[in-house]
Amino acid sequence: MLILECPYCGLHADETELAPGGEAHLKRFGPGSSDDDFEGYLFMRENPKGVHFERWRHANGCGKWFHAARDTNTLEVFGTYSAQTTEPPQDIKDKISARRPGWTWREFA
């Protein structure tokens, strides 16, 4: 079972207390964007076997959104952090690099 720590309230919650929100760190395009940019935002998602960054909501707790870095193959959680950050914190990227040398995910590594 997937267990994540909410970075806001500090509780360790299993996946039944959380609501998944899809891929994290997507670049959103607003009015006036090209059709290709909007199509990419709507439909082009990473689906890796390995390191992935996701959005989660602590639905049965504080109700706040946060990001989680985890391995989709092993369910190993590298860390959670605030949803207001534009890229994963360096300590989480270092932890991933120590466990998965050479990993990549979009523009992060």
Protein backbone atom coordinates (compact mmCIF):
# COMPACT_ATOMS: atom_id res chain seq x y z
CA MET A 1 0.00 0.00 0.00
CA LEU A 2 1.22 3.47 -0.86
CA ILE A 3 1.81 5.66 2.20
CA LEU A 4 2.66 9.36 1.78
CA GLU A 5 3.48 12.00 4.38
CA CYS A 6 1.46 15.19 4.01
CA PRO A 7 4.01 18.05 4.05
CA TYR A 8 1.43 20.40 5.60
CA CYS A 9 -0.03 18.49 8.54
CA GLY A 10 2.76 15.89 8.87
CA LEU A 11 0.44 12.88 8.92
CA HIS A 12 1.39 9.63 7.21
CA ALA A 13 -1.65 8.79 5.12
CA ASP A 14 -2.32 5.68 3.08
CA GLU A 15 -3.75 5.95 -0.41
CA THR A 16 -7.33 5.53 0.83
CA GLU A 17 -7.06 8.91 2.61
CA LEU A 18 -5.64 10.64 -0.45
CA ALA A 19 -6.99 11.68 -3.84
CA PRO A 20 -4.66 11.43 -6.85
CA GLY A 21 -4.36 14.51 -9.03
CA GLY A 22 -2.22 13.32 -11.91
CA GLU A 23 1.18 14.44 -13.05
CA ALA A 24 2.96 17.27 -11.24
CA HIS A 25 4.83 20.25 -12.71
CA LEU A 26 2.80 20.58 -15.90
CA LYS A 27 3.20 23.83 -17.82
CA ARG A 28 -0.27 25.24 -18.23
CA PHE A 29 -1.16 27.32 -21.27
CA GLY A 30 -3.81 30.02 -21.13
CA PRO A 31 -5.97 31.89 -23.60
CA GLY A 32 -4.21 32.67 -26.84
CA SER A 33 -2.00 29.59 -26.74
CA SER A 34 -1.46 27.56 -29.87
CA ASP A 35 -3.50 24.44 -30.53
CA ASP A 36 -0.33 22.33 -30.26
CA ASP A 37 0.54 23.76 -26.83
CA PHE A 38 -2.99 23.23 -25.54
CA GLU A 39 -3.13 19.69 -26.95
CA GLY A 40 0.19 18.91 -25.26
CA TYR A 41 -1.10 20.21 -21.93
CA LEU A 42 -4.31 18.19 -22.16
CA PHE A 43 -3.04 14.88 -23.50
CA MET A 44 0.74 14.47 -23.31
CA ARG A 45 1.62 12.88 -19.98
CA GLU A 46 4.59 10.95 -18.70
CA ASN A 47 3.83 7.34 -17.89
CA PRO A 48 7.19 6.05 -16.70
CA LYS A 49 8.24 2.79 -15.23
CA GLY A 50 10.41 4.40 -12.59
CA VAL A 51 10.73 7.90 -11.10
CA HIS A 52 7.57 9.99 -11.35
CA PHE A 53 6.29 13.24 -9.82
CA GLU A 54 2.61 13.36 -8.93
CA ARG A 55 -0.02 15.62 -7.37
CA TRP A 56 -1.99 14.33 -4.40
CA ARG A 57 -4.67 15.81 -2.15
CA HIS A 58 -4.97 14.91 1.52
CA ALA A 59 -8.73 14.44 1.07
CA ASN A 60 -9.52 12.89 4.47
CA GLY A 61 -7.14 15.16 6.35
CA CYS A 62 -6.16 18.79 5.91
CA GLY A 63 -7.51 18.87 2.34
CA LYS A 64 -4.41 20.47 0.83
CA TRP A 65 -2.69 19.55 -2.44
CA PHE A 66 0.96 18.45 -2.44
CA HIS A 67 3.50 16.80 -4.72
CA ALA A 68 5.11 13.40 -4.25
CA ALA A 69 8.20 11.89 -5.86
CA ARG A 70 8.03 8.12 -6.10
CA ASP A 71 9.03 5.10 -8.15
CA THR A 72 6.05 3.65 -10.02
CA ASN A 73 7.73 0.27 -10.28
CA THR A 74 8.59 -0.32 -6.61
CA LEU A 75 6.25 2.24 -4.90
CA GLU A 76 9.32 3.64 -3.10
CA VAL A 77 8.55 7.21 -1.99
CA PHE A 78 11.45 9.66 -2.24
CA GLY A 79 9.60 12.51 -0.56
CA THR A 80 6.67 14.90 -0.57
CA TYR A 81 6.67 18.68 -0.83
CA SER A 82 4.43 21.71 -1.25
CA ALA A 83 2.34 21.99 -4.41
CA GLN A 84 3.39 25.63 -4.75
CA THR A 85 6.94 24.74 -5.76
CA THR A 86 7.86 24.94 -9.44
CA GLU A 87 10.36 22.08 -9.35
CA PRO A 88 11.29 19.30 -6.93
CA PRO A 89 13.49 20.38 -3.98
CA GLN A 90 17.18 19.62 -4.33
CA ASP A 91 17.22 17.22 -1.36
CA ILE A 92 14.59 15.04 -3.06
CA LYS A 93 16.48 15.11 -6.37
CA ASP A 94 19.66 14.12 -4.49
CA LYS A 95 17.83 11.25 -2.77
CA ILE A 96 16.55 9.99 -6.14
CA SER A 97 20.03 10.28 -7.69
CA ALA A 98 21.53 8.24 -4.83
CA ARG A 99 19.00 5.44 -5.36
CA ARG A 100 18.52 5.68 -9.15
CA PRO A 101 21.73 6.99 -10.79
CA GLY A 102 21.09 8.47 -14.23
CA TRP A 103 17.36 9.05 -13.74
CA THR A 104 15.53 11.67 -15.79
CA TRP A 105 12.01 13.03 -15.79
CA ARG A 106 11.02 15.81 -18.17
CA GLU A 107 13.56 18.59 -17.58
CA PHE A 108 14.52 17.46 -14.07
CA ALA A 109 17.48 15.24 -13.20
